[in-house]
Amino acid sequence: MRRWLWARLLRAVSQSSLHWRVEKGTGRIVKVRAEFYSRLKEVVGAPALEISLPEKATVNDLLEQLLASYPQLRDFEKSMLFGVGVEFVDRDHVLNDGDTIAIMPPVQGG
């Protein structure tokens, strides 16, 4: 029974979207695609998620939603890098409908 439930949960998470309730403003939402790299992909359990946020949401708003759903990401929170398109962006960057945001840990070399 546990294996079945675990498999179903993993399948649901990998195929689902995270949705943030719209509490104020225009009531409009934007949908973004969050892509995870390196260890972050392992923590989330998927290479990417489709996420709904209130209009004018920032990268920081997205991060708060992700941290609520994936508390293990807190270990990487201070060092995460964010990119939209071909540009790195700050946490106060406003996300637009259809944006793809890359979320990655800092690059390490050796």
PDB file of N, CA and C in Angstrom:
ATOM      1  N   MET A   1       0.824  -1.200   0.000  1.00  0.00           N
ATOM      2  CA  MET A   1       0.000   0.000   0.000  1.00  0.00           C
ATOM      3  C   MET A   1       0.862   1.256   0.000  1.00  0.00           C
ATOM      4  N   ARG A   2       1.906   1.275   0.829  1.00  0.00           N
ATOM      5  CA  ARG A   2       2.770   2.454   0.897  1.00  0.00           C
ATOM      6  C   ARG A   2       3.459   2.729  -0.432  1.00  0.00           C
ATOM      7  N   ARG A   3       3.948   1.676  -1.077  1.00  0.00           N
ATOM      8  CA  ARG A   3       4.632   1.864  -2.365  1.00  0.00           C
ATOM      9  C   ARG A   3       3.684   2.455  -3.400  1.00  0.00           C
ATOM     10  N   TRP A   4       2.473   1.955  -3.420  1.00  0.00           N
ATOM     11  CA  TRP A   4       1.488   2.463  -4.365  1.00  0.00           C
ATOM     12  C   TRP A   4       1.215   3.939  -4.107  1.00  0.00           C
ATOM     13  N   LEU A   5       1.022   4.297  -2.835  1.00  0.00           N
ATOM     14  CA  LEU A   5       0.741   5.684  -2.480  1.00  0.00           C
ATOM     15  C   LEU A   5       1.922   6.583  -2.824  1.00  0.00           C
ATOM     16  N   TRP A   6       3.141   6.136  -2.516  1.00  0.00           N
ATOM     17  CA  TRP A   6       4.340   6.907  -2.812  1.00  0.00           C
ATOM     18  C   TRP A   6       4.486   7.113  -4.324  1.00  0.00           C
ATOM     19  N   ALA A   7       4.286   6.062  -5.099  1.00  0.00           N
ATOM     20  CA  ALA A   7       4.395   6.169  -6.556  1.00  0.00           C
ATOM     21  C   ALA A   7       3.353   7.133  -7.105  1.00  0.00           C
ATOM     22  N   ARG A   8       2.148   7.067  -6.575  1.00  0.00           N
ATOM     23  CA  ARG A   8       1.092   7.969  -7.035  1.00  0.00           C
ATOM     24  C   ARG A   8       1.409   9.419  -6.688  1.00  0.00           C
ATOM     25  N   LEU A   9       1.938   9.644  -5.487  1.00  0.00           N
ATOM     26  CA  LEU A   9       2.316  10.988  -5.069  1.00  0.00           C
ATOM     27  C   LEU A   9       3.417  11.549  -5.961  1.00  0.00           C
ATOM     28  N   LEU A  10       4.440  10.760  -6.228  1.00  0.00           N
ATOM     29  CA  LEU A  10       5.526  11.225  -7.096  1.00  0.00           C
ATOM     30  C   LEU A  10       5.020  11.548  -8.494  1.00  0.00           C
ATOM     31  N   ARG A  11       4.144  10.723  -9.019  1.00  0.00           N
ATOM     32  CA  ARG A  11       3.595  10.973 -10.351  1.00  0.00           C
ATOM     33  C   ARG A  11       2.768  12.259 -10.356  1.00  0.00           C
ATOM     34  N   ALA A  12       1.989  12.469  -9.313  1.00  0.00           N
ATOM     35  CA  ALA A  12       1.162  13.678  -9.232  1.00  0.00           C
ATOM     36  C   ALA A  12       2.011  14.924  -9.137  1.00  0.00           C
ATOM     37  N   VAL A  13       3.074  14.871  -8.341  1.00  0.00           N
ATOM     38  CA  VAL A  13       3.944  16.038  -8.190  1.00  0.00           C
ATOM     39  C   VAL A  13       4.649  16.350  -9.495  1.00  0.00           C
ATOM     40  N   SER A  14       5.135  15.332 -10.181  1.00  0.00           N
ATOM     41  CA  SER A  14       5.879  15.584 -11.411  1.00  0.00           C
ATOM     42  C   SER A  14       4.984  16.077 -12.542  1.00  0.00           C
ATOM     43  N   GLN A  15       3.693  15.790 -12.474  1.00  0.00           N
ATOM     44  CA  GLN A  15       2.792  16.193 -13.545  1.00  0.00           C
ATOM     45  C   GLN A  15       1.946  17.405 -13.191  1.00  0.00           C
ATOM     46  N   SER A  16       2.040  17.848 -11.964  1.00  0.00           N
ATOM     47  CA  SER A  16       1.135  18.907 -11.529  1.00  0.00           C
ATOM     48  C   SER A  16       1.788  20.272 -11.579  1.00  0.00           C
ATOM     49  N   SER A  17       1.006  21.244 -11.272  1.00  0.00           N
ATOM     50  CA  SER A  17       1.462  22.619 -11.158  1.00  0.00           C
ATOM     51  C   SER A  17       1.266  23.073  -9.728  1.00  0.00           C
ATOM     52  N   LEU A  18       2.074  24.023  -9.316  1.00  0.00           N
ATOM     53  CA  LEU A  18       1.849  24.674  -8.037  1.00  0.00           C
ATOM     54  C   LEU A  18       0.988  25.893  -8.313  1.00  0.00           C
ATOM     55  N   HIS A  19      -0.021  26.106  -7.514  1.00  0.00           N
ATOM     56  CA  HIS A  19      -0.897  27.254  -7.703  1.00  0.00           C
ATOM     57  C   HIS A  19      -0.938  28.073  -6.430  1.00  0.00           C
ATOM     58  N   TRP A  20      -0.705  29.354  -6.571  1.00  0.00           N
ATOM     59  CA  TRP A  20      -0.718  30.274  -5.450  1.00  0.00           C
ATOM     60  C   TRP A  20      -2.050  31.005  -5.482  1.00  0.00           C
ATOM     61  N   ARG A  21      -2.733  31.074  -4.382  1.00  0.00           N
ATOM     62  CA  ARG A  21      -4.018  31.774  -4.363  1.00  0.00           C
ATOM     63  C   ARG A  21      -3.820  33.259  -4.615  1.00  0.00           C
ATOM     64  N   VAL A  22      -4.690  33.801  -5.397  1.00  0.00           N
ATOM     65  CA  VAL A  22      -4.669  35.233  -5.658  1.00  0.00           C
ATOM     66  C   VAL A  22      -5.505  35.888  -4.572  1.00  0.00           C
ATOM     67  N   GLU A  23      -4.853  36.635  -3.690  1.00  0.00           N
ATOM     68  CA  GLU A  23      -5.557  37.204  -2.549  1.00  0.00           C
ATOM     69  C   GLU A  23      -5.937  38.660  -2.744  1.00  0.00           C
ATOM     70  N   LYS A  24      -5.217  39.372  -3.575  1.00  0.00           N
ATOM     71  CA  LYS A  24      -5.555  40.776  -3.790  1.00  0.00           C
ATOM     72  C   LYS A  24      -5.116  41.195  -5.180  1.00  0.00           C
ATOM     73  N   GLY A  25      -5.398  42.412  -5.533  1.00  0.00           N
ATOM     74  CA  GLY A  25      -5.017  42.900  -6.855  1.00  0.00           C
ATOM     75  C   GLY A  25      -6.115  42.639  -7.863  1.00  0.00           C
ATOM     76  N   THR A  26      -5.723  42.462  -9.099  1.00  0.00           N
ATOM     77  CA  THR A  26      -6.694  42.325 -10.179  1.00  0.00           C
ATOM     78  C   THR A  26      -7.331  40.948 -10.223  1.00  0.00           C
ATOM     79  N   GLY A  27      -6.746  39.997  -9.537  1.00  0.00           N
ATOM     80  CA  GLY A  27      -7.254  38.636  -9.608  1.00  0.00           C
ATOM     81  C   GLY A  27      -6.686  37.861 -10.777  1.00  0.00           C
ATOM     82  N   ARG A  28      -5.866  38.502 -11.578  1.00  0.00           N
ATOM     83  CA  ARG A  28      -5.246  37.822 -12.712  1.00  0.00           C
ATOM     84  C   ARG A  28      -4.047  37.018 -12.225  1.00  0.00           C
ATOM     85  N   ILE A  29      -3.763  35.966 -12.963  1.00  0.00           N
ATOM     86  CA  ILE A  29      -2.597  35.163 -12.625  1.00  0.00           C
ATOM     87  C   ILE A  29      -1.663  35.083 -13.823  1.00  0.00           C
ATOM     88  N   VAL A  30      -0.418  34.788 -13.531  1.00  0.00           N
ATOM     89  CA  VAL A  30       0.564  34.511 -14.569  1.00  0.00           C
ATOM     90  C   VAL A  30       1.057  33.093 -14.335  1.00  0.00           C
ATOM     91  N   LYS A  31       1.351  32.422 -15.410  1.00  0.00           N
ATOM     92  CA  LYS A  31       1.908  31.076 -15.312  1.00  0.00           C
ATOM     93  C   LYS A  31       3.349  31.139 -15.782  1.00  0.00           C
ATOM     94  N   VAL A  32       4.229  30.592 -14.959  1.00  0.00           N
ATOM     95  CA  VAL A  32       5.644  30.552 -15.300  1.00  0.00           C
ATOM     96  C   VAL A  32       6.128  29.110 -15.215  1.00  0.00           C
ATOM     97  N   ARG A  33       7.212  28.856 -15.897  1.00  0.00           N
ATOM     98  CA  ARG A  33       7.850  27.538 -15.840  1.00  0.00           C
ATOM     99  C   ARG A  33       9.144  27.706 -15.064  1.00  0.00           C
ATOM    100  N   ALA A  34       9.253  26.997 -13.946  1.00  0.00           N
ATOM    101  CA  ALA A  34      10.474  27.016 -13.147  1.00  0.00           C
ATOM    102  C   ALA A  34      11.283  25.774 -13.506  1.00  0.00           C
ATOM    103  N   GLU A  35      12.519  25.991 -13.961  1.00  0.00           N
ATOM    104  CA  GLU A  35      13.406  24.882 -14.308  1.00  0.00           C
ATOM    105  C   GLU A  35      14.504  24.801 -13.257  1.00  0.00           C
ATOM    106  N   PHE A  36      14.759  23.594 -12.776  1.00  0.00           N
ATOM    107  CA  PHE A  36      15.720  23.381 -11.697  1.00  0.00           C
ATOM    108  C   PHE A  36      16.951  22.664 -12.224  1.00  0.00           C
ATOM    109  N   TYR A  37      18.094  23.026 -11.682  1.00  0.00           N
ATOM    110  CA  TYR A  37      19.352  22.457 -12.130  1.00  0.00           C
ATOM    111  C   TYR A  37      20.139  21.886 -10.960  1.00  0.00           C
ATOM    112  N   SER A  38      20.984  20.912 -11.286  1.00  0.00           N
ATOM    113  CA  SER A  38      21.898  20.303 -10.331  1.00  0.00           C
ATOM    114  C   SER A  38      21.135  19.737  -9.137  1.00  0.00           C
ATOM    115  N   ARG A  39      21.593  20.009  -7.948  1.00  0.00           N
ATOM    116  CA  ARG A  39      20.995  19.458  -6.724  1.00  0.00           C
ATOM    117  C   ARG A  39      19.551  19.914  -6.532  1.00  0.00           C
ATOM    118  N   LEU A  40      19.217  21.081  -7.019  1.00  0.00           N
ATOM    119  CA  LEU A  40      17.852  21.584  -6.833  1.00  0.00           C
ATOM    120  C   LEU A  40      16.833  20.683  -7.529  1.00  0.00           C
ATOM    121  N   LYS A  41      17.225  20.133  -8.666  1.00  0.00           N
ATOM    122  CA  LYS A  41      16.353  19.204  -9.389  1.00  0.00           C
ATOM    123  C   LYS A  41      16.078  17.965  -8.530  1.00  0.00           C
ATOM    124  N   GLU A  42      17.103  17.501  -7.813  1.00  0.00           N
ATOM    125  CA  GLU A  42      16.941  16.342  -6.932  1.00  0.00           C
ATOM    126  C   GLU A  42      16.024  16.669  -5.758  1.00  0.00           C
ATOM    127  N   VAL A  43      16.177  17.860  -5.191  1.00  0.00           N
ATOM    128  CA  VAL A  43      15.360  18.257  -4.040  1.00  0.00           C
ATOM    129  C   VAL A  43      13.887  18.347  -4.428  1.00  0.00           C
ATOM    130  N   VAL A  44      13.610  18.953  -5.571  1.00  0.00           N
ATOM    131  CA  VAL A  44      12.224  19.128  -6.022  1.00  0.00           C
ATOM    132  C   VAL A  44      11.652  17.816  -6.566  1.00  0.00           C
ATOM    133  N   GLY A  45      12.517  16.981  -7.116  1.00  0.00           N
ATOM    134  CA  GLY A  45      12.054  15.711  -7.665  1.00  0.00           C
ATOM    135  C   GLY A  45      11.559  15.802  -9.087  1.00  0.00           C
ATOM    136  N   ALA A  46      11.845  16.917  -9.740  1.00  0.00           N
ATOM    137  CA  ALA A  46      11.419  17.114 -11.130  1.00  0.00           C
ATOM    138  C   ALA A  46      12.337  18.158 -11.761  1.00  0.00           C
ATOM    139  N   PRO A  47      12.561  18.072 -13.054  1.00  0.00           N
ATOM    140  CA  PRO A  47      13.404  19.077 -13.702  1.00  0.00           C
ATOM    141  C   PRO A  47      12.713  20.426 -13.870  1.00  0.00           C
ATOM    142  N   ALA A  48      11.375  20.425 -13.851  1.00  0.00           N
ATOM    143  CA  ALA A  48      10.640  21.680 -14.056  1.00  0.00           C
ATOM    144  C   ALA A  48       9.233  21.564 -13.484  1.00  0.00           C
ATOM    145  N   LEU A  49       8.663  22.719 -13.138  1.00  0.00           N
ATOM    146  CA  LEU A  49       7.283  22.806 -12.660  1.00  0.00           C
ATOM    147  C   LEU A  49       6.607  24.002 -13.311  1.00  0.00           C
ATOM    148  N   GLU A  50       5.332  23.870 -13.621  1.00  0.00           N
ATOM    149  CA  GLU A  50       4.520  24.993 -14.067  1.00  0.00           C
ATOM    150  C   GLU A  50       3.882  25.581 -12.816  1.00  0.00           C
ATOM    151  N   ILE A  51       4.024  26.887 -12.619  1.00  0.00           N
ATOM    152  CA  ILE A  51       3.567  27.519 -11.387  1.00  0.00           C
ATOM    153  C   ILE A  51       2.700  28.726 -11.722  1.00  0.00           C
ATOM    154  N   SER A  52       1.576  28.848 -11.031  1.00  0.00           N
ATOM    155  CA  SER A  52       0.680  29.990 -11.184  1.00  0.00           C
ATOM    156  C   SER A  52       0.905  30.950 -10.033  1.00  0.00           C
ATOM    157  N   LEU A  53       1.038  32.233 -10.358  1.00  0.00           N
ATOM    158  CA  LEU A  53       1.293  33.285  -9.375  1.00  0.00           C
ATOM    159  C   LEU A  53       0.394  34.478  -9.671  1.00  0.00           C
ATOM    160  N   PRO A  54       0.187  35.340  -8.684  1.00  0.00           N
ATOM    161  CA  PRO A  54      -0.578  36.560  -8.957  1.00  0.00           C
ATOM    162  C   PRO A  54       0.168  37.456  -9.946  1.00  0.00           C
ATOM    163  N   GLU A  55      -0.592  38.207 -10.715  1.00  0.00           N
ATOM    164  CA  GLU A  55       0.010  39.173 -11.622  1.00  0.00           C
ATOM    165  C   GLU A  55       0.956  40.080 -10.837  1.00  0.00           C
ATOM    166  N   LYS A  56       2.066  40.443 -11.431  1.00  0.00           N
ATOM    167  CA  LYS A  56       3.109  41.292 -10.840  1.00  0.00           C
ATOM    168  C   LYS A  56       3.891  40.598  -9.726  1.00  0.00           C
ATOM    169  N   ALA A  57       3.828  39.275  -9.676  1.00  0.00           N
ATOM    170  CA  ALA A  57       4.627  38.528  -8.702  1.00  0.00           C
ATOM    171  C   ALA A  57       6.097  38.633  -9.085  1.00  0.00           C
ATOM    172  N   THR A  58       6.944  38.592  -8.085  1.00  0.00           N
ATOM    173  CA  THR A  58       8.388  38.691  -8.293  1.00  0.00           C
ATOM    174  C   THR A  58       9.036  37.316  -8.139  1.00  0.00           C
ATOM    175  N   VAL A  59      10.316  37.270  -8.457  1.00  0.00           N
ATOM    176  CA  VAL A  59      11.090  36.053  -8.234  1.00  0.00           C
ATOM    177  C   VAL A  59      11.014  35.667  -6.759  1.00  0.00           C
ATOM    178  N   ASN A  60      11.061  36.648  -5.874  1.00  0.00           N
ATOM    179  CA  ASN A  60      10.976  36.352  -4.446  1.00  0.00           C
ATOM    180  C   ASN A  60       9.626  35.717  -4.085  1.00  0.00           C
ATOM    181  N   ASP A  61       8.538  36.175  -4.699  1.00  0.00           N
ATOM    182  CA  ASP A  61       7.227  35.563  -4.470  1.00  0.00           C
ATOM    183  C   ASP A  61       7.234  34.096  -4.914  1.00  0.00           C
ATOM    184  N   LEU A  62       7.833  33.850  -6.063  1.00  0.00           N
ATOM    185  CA  LEU A  62       7.965  32.483  -6.556  1.00  0.00           C
ATOM    186  C   LEU A  62       8.769  31.644  -5.572  1.00  0.00           C
ATOM    187  N   LEU A  63       9.874  32.195  -5.099  1.00  0.00           N
ATOM    188  CA  LEU A  63      10.724  31.475  -4.155  1.00  0.00           C
ATOM    189  C   LEU A  63       9.964  31.138  -2.874  1.00  0.00           C
ATOM    190  N   GLU A  64       9.184  32.071  -2.365  1.00  0.00           N
ATOM    191  CA  GLU A  64       8.395  31.811  -1.151  1.00  0.00           C
ATOM    192  C   GLU A  64       7.418  30.659  -1.376  1.00  0.00           C
ATOM    193  N   GLN A  65       6.788  30.623  -2.543  1.00  0.00           N
ATOM    194  CA  GLN A  65       5.867  29.529  -2.867  1.00  0.00           C
ATOM    195  C   GLN A  65       6.612  28.200  -2.923  1.00  0.00           C
ATOM    196  N   LEU A  66       7.779  28.205  -3.543  1.00  0.00           N
ATOM    197  CA  LEU A  66       8.562  26.972  -3.639  1.00  0.00           C
ATOM    198  C   LEU A  66       9.031  26.502  -2.267  1.00  0.00           C
ATOM    199  N   LEU A  67       9.468  27.433  -1.417  1.00  0.00           N
ATOM    200  CA  LEU A  67       9.936  27.068  -0.080  1.00  0.00           C
ATOM    201  C   LEU A  67       8.804  26.492   0.767  1.00  0.00           C
ATOM    202  N   ALA A  68       7.591  26.981   0.563  1.00  0.00           N
ATOM    203  CA  ALA A  68       6.444  26.443   1.299  1.00  0.00           C
ATOM    204  C   ALA A  68       6.159  24.998   0.883  1.00  0.00           C
ATOM    205  N   SER A  69       6.359  24.691  -0.384  1.00  0.00           N
ATOM    206  CA  SER A  69       6.087  23.344  -0.888  1.00  0.00           C
ATOM    207  C   SER A  69       7.279  22.405  -0.763  1.00  0.00           C
ATOM    208  N   TYR A  70       8.477  22.965  -0.804  1.00  0.00           N
ATOM    209  CA  TYR A  70       9.707  22.168  -0.748  1.00  0.00           C
ATOM    210  C   TYR A  70      10.653  22.775   0.288  1.00  0.00           C
ATOM    211  N   PRO A  71      10.399  22.555   1.577  1.00  0.00           N
ATOM    212  CA  PRO A  71      11.211  23.189   2.621  1.00  0.00           C
ATOM    213  C   PRO A  71      12.695  22.831   2.552  1.00  0.00           C
ATOM    214  N   GLN A  72      13.042  21.723   1.911  1.00  0.00           N
ATOM    215  CA  GLN A  72      14.448  21.344   1.780  1.00  0.00           C
ATOM    216  C   GLN A  72      15.232  22.355   0.947  1.00  0.00           C
ATOM    217  N   LEU A  73      14.537  23.149   0.149  1.00  0.00           N
ATOM    218  CA  LEU A  73      15.211  24.170  -0.659  1.00  0.00           C
ATOM    219  C   LEU A  73      15.839  25.262   0.202  1.00  0.00           C
ATOM    220  N   ARG A  74      15.413  25.375   1.461  1.00  0.00           N
ATOM    221  CA  ARG A  74      15.974  26.403   2.355  1.00  0.00           C
ATOM    222  C   ARG A  74      17.486  26.268   2.494  1.00  0.00           C
ATOM    223  N   ASP A  75      17.994  25.047   2.370  1.00  0.00           N
ATOM    224  CA  ASP A  75      19.439  24.835   2.461  1.00  0.00           C
ATOM    225  C   ASP A  75      20.194  25.583   1.361  1.00  0.00           C
ATOM    226  N   PHE A  76      19.524  25.888   0.268  1.00  0.00           N
ATOM    227  CA  PHE A  76      20.149  26.536  -0.886  1.00  0.00           C
ATOM    228  C   PHE A  76      19.678  27.971  -1.089  1.00  0.00           C
ATOM    229  N   GLU A  77      18.730  28.412  -0.277  1.00  0.00           N
ATOM    230  CA  GLU A  77      18.028  29.680  -0.499  1.00  0.00           C
ATOM    231  C   GLU A  77      18.957  30.876  -0.690  1.00  0.00           C
ATOM    232  N   LYS A  78      19.944  31.030   0.147  1.00  0.00           N
ATOM    233  CA  LYS A  78      20.799  32.224   0.100  1.00  0.00           C
ATOM    234  C   LYS A  78      21.746  32.242  -1.098  1.00  0.00           C
ATOM    235  N   SER A  79      22.005  31.083  -1.676  1.00  0.00           N
ATOM    236  CA  SER A  79      22.979  31.031  -2.766  1.00  0.00           C
ATOM    237  C   SER A  79      22.364  30.761  -4.139  1.00  0.00           C
ATOM    238  N   MET A  80      21.047  30.669  -4.226  1.00  0.00           N
ATOM    239  CA  MET A  80      20.405  30.388  -5.515  1.00  0.00           C
ATOM    240  C   MET A  80      20.625  31.518  -6.510  1.00  0.00           C
ATOM    241  N   LEU A  81      20.765  31.127  -7.758  1.00  0.00           N
ATOM    242  CA  LEU A  81      20.844  32.078  -8.867  1.00  0.00           C
ATOM    243  C   LEU A  81      19.585  31.909  -9.719  1.00  0.00           C
ATOM    244  N   PHE A  82      19.111  33.032 -10.273  1.00  0.00           N
ATOM    245  CA  PHE A  82      17.876  33.021 -11.059  1.00  0.00           C
ATOM    246  C   PHE A  82      18.136  33.643 -12.426  1.00  0.00           C
ATOM    247  N   GLY A  83      17.605  33.021 -13.452  1.00  0.00           N
ATOM    248  CA  GLY A  83      17.743  33.562 -14.791  1.00  0.00           C
ATOM    249  C   GLY A  83      16.428  33.513 -15.538  1.00  0.00           C
ATOM    250  N   VAL A  84      16.138  34.586 -16.257  1.00  0.00           N
ATOM    251  CA  VAL A  84      14.962  34.639 -17.132  1.00  0.00           C
ATOM    252  C   VAL A  84      15.496  34.970 -18.516  1.00  0.00           C
ATOM    253  N   GLY A  85      15.183  34.114 -19.476  1.00  0.00           N
ATOM    254  CA  GLY A  85      15.765  34.293 -20.803  1.00  0.00           C
ATOM    255  C   GLY A  85      17.260  34.027 -20.718  1.00  0.00           C
ATOM    256  N   VAL A  86      18.050  34.973 -21.197  1.00  0.00           N
ATOM    257  CA  VAL A  86      19.508  34.816 -21.150  1.00  0.00           C
ATOM    258  C   VAL A  86      20.146  35.717 -20.103  1.00  0.00           C
ATOM    259  N   GLU A  87      19.337  36.301 -19.239  1.00  0.00           N
ATOM    260  CA  GLU A  87      19.830  37.245 -18.228  1.00  0.00           C
ATOM    261  C   GLU A  87      19.638  36.701 -16.819  1.00  0.00           C
ATOM    262  N   PHE A  88      20.635  36.920 -15.970  1.00  0.00           N
ATOM    263  CA  PHE A  88      20.441  36.679 -14.546  1.00  0.00           C
ATOM    264  C   PHE A  88      19.590  37.817 -14.009  1.00  0.00           C
ATOM    265  N   VAL A  89      18.693  37.505 -13.073  1.00  0.00           N
ATOM    266  CA  VAL A  89      17.795  38.521 -12.524  1.00  0.00           C
ATOM    267  C   VAL A  89      17.855  38.494 -11.002  1.00  0.00           C
ATOM    268  N   ASP A  90      17.491  39.637 -10.404  1.00  0.00           N
ATOM    269  CA  ASP A  90      17.417  39.750  -8.951  1.00  0.00           C
ATOM    270  C   ASP A  90      16.080  39.218  -8.464  1.00  0.00           C
ATOM    271  N   ARG A  91      15.982  39.093  -7.155  1.00  0.00           N
ATOM    272  CA  ARG A  91      14.755  38.562  -6.553  1.00  0.00           C
ATOM    273  C   ARG A  91      13.571  39.515  -6.671  1.00  0.00           C
ATOM    274  N   ASP A  92      13.820  40.777  -6.966  1.00  0.00           N
ATOM    275  CA  ASP A  92      12.711  41.725  -7.118  1.00  0.00           C
ATOM    276  C   ASP A  92      12.237  41.843  -8.573  1.00  0.00           C
ATOM    277  N   HIS A  93      12.773  41.021  -9.455  1.00  0.00           N
ATOM    278  CA  HIS A  93      12.369  41.004 -10.862  1.00  0.00           C
ATOM    279  C   HIS A  93      10.915  40.539 -10.974  1.00  0.00           C
ATOM    280  N   VAL A  94      10.089  41.306 -11.692  1.00  0.00           N
ATOM    281  CA  VAL A  94       8.676  40.960 -11.885  1.00  0.00           C
ATOM    282  C   VAL A  94       8.561  39.921 -12.997  1.00  0.00           C
ATOM    283  N   LEU A  95       7.835  38.849 -12.702  1.00  0.00           N
ATOM    284  CA  LEU A  95       7.652  37.765 -13.660  1.00  0.00           C
ATOM    285  C   LEU A  95       6.451  38.039 -14.555  1.00  0.00           C
ATOM    286  N   ASN A  96       6.576  37.657 -15.808  1.00  0.00           N
ATOM    287  CA  ASN A  96       5.499  37.828 -16.783  1.00  0.00           C
ATOM    288  C   ASN A  96       4.924  36.475 -17.168  1.00  0.00           C
ATOM    289  N   ASP A  97       3.690  36.493 -17.628  1.00  0.00           N
ATOM    290  CA  ASP A  97       3.044  35.264 -18.064  1.00  0.00           C
ATOM    291  C   ASP A  97       3.888  34.600 -19.148  1.00  0.00           C
ATOM    292  N   GLY A  98       4.135  33.310 -18.979  1.00  0.00           N
ATOM    293  CA  GLY A  98       4.899  32.559 -19.967  1.00  0.00           C
ATOM    294  C   GLY A  98       6.399  32.550 -19.747  1.00  0.00           C
ATOM    295  N   ASP A  99       6.893  33.282 -18.747  1.00  0.00           N
ATOM    296  CA  ASP A  99       8.336  33.286 -18.474  1.00  0.00           C
ATOM    297  C   ASP A  99       8.816  31.894 -18.087  1.00  0.00           C
ATOM    298  N   THR A 100      10.045  31.593 -18.487  1.00  0.00           N
ATOM    299  CA  THR A 100      10.753  30.420 -17.995  1.00  0.00           C
ATOM    300  C   THR A 100      11.871  30.940 -17.121  1.00  0.00           C
ATOM    301  N   ILE A 101      11.887  30.500 -15.870  1.00  0.00           N
ATOM    302  CA  ILE A 101      12.903  30.957 -14.935  1.00  0.00           C
ATOM    303  C   ILE A 101      13.788  29.782 -14.545  1.00  0.00           C
ATOM    304  N   ALA A 102      15.067  29.947 -14.763  1.00  0.00           N
ATOM    305  CA  ALA A 102      16.046  28.933 -14.381  1.00  0.00           C
ATOM    306  C   ALA A 102      16.458  29.193 -12.940  1.00  0.00           C
ATOM    307  N   ILE A 103      16.411  28.153 -12.127  1.00  0.00           N
ATOM    308  CA  ILE A 103      16.795  28.265 -10.722  1.00  0.00           C
ATOM    309  C   ILE A 103      17.935  27.286 -10.501  1.00  0.00           C
ATOM    310  N   MET A 104      19.077  27.830 -10.093  1.00  0.00           N
ATOM    311  CA  MET A 104      20.256  26.976  -9.984  1.00  0.00           C
ATOM    312  C   MET A 104      21.107  27.349  -8.780  1.00  0.00           C
ATOM    313  N   PRO A 105      21.843  26.370  -8.282  1.00  0.00           N
ATOM    314  CA  PRO A 105      22.810  26.679  -7.235  1.00  0.00           C
ATOM    315  C   PRO A 105      24.009  27.357  -7.882  1.00  0.00           C
ATOM    316  N   PRO A 106      24.880  27.978  -7.092  1.00  0.00           N
ATOM    317  CA  PRO A 106      26.055  28.602  -7.697  1.00  0.00           C
ATOM    318  C   PRO A 106      26.936  27.553  -8.368  1.00  0.00           C
ATOM    319  N   VAL A 107      27.621  27.971  -9.407  1.00  0.00           N
ATOM    320  CA  VAL A 107      28.519  27.072 -10.126  1.00  0.00           C
ATOM    321  C   VAL A 107      29.739  26.821  -9.258  1.00  0.00           C
ATOM    322  N   GLN A 108      30.115  25.549  -9.172  1.00  0.00           N
ATOM    323  CA  GLN A 108      31.298  25.196  -8.400  1.00  0.00           C
ATOM    324  C   GLN A 108      32.282  24.516  -9.328  1.00  0.00           C
ATOM    325  N   GLY A 109      33.497  24.872  -9.190  1.00  0.00           N
ATOM    326  CA  GLY A 109      34.529  24.260 -10.012  1.00  0.00           C
ATOM    327  C   GLY A 109      35.592  23.623  -9.147  1.00  0.00           C
ATOM    328  N   GLY A 110      36.495  22.956  -9.778  1.00  0.00           N
ATOM    329  CA  GLY A 110      37.503  22.312  -8.956  1.00  0.00           C
ATOM    330  C   GLY A 110      38.690  21.928  -9.687  1.00  0.00           C
TER     331      GLY A 110
END
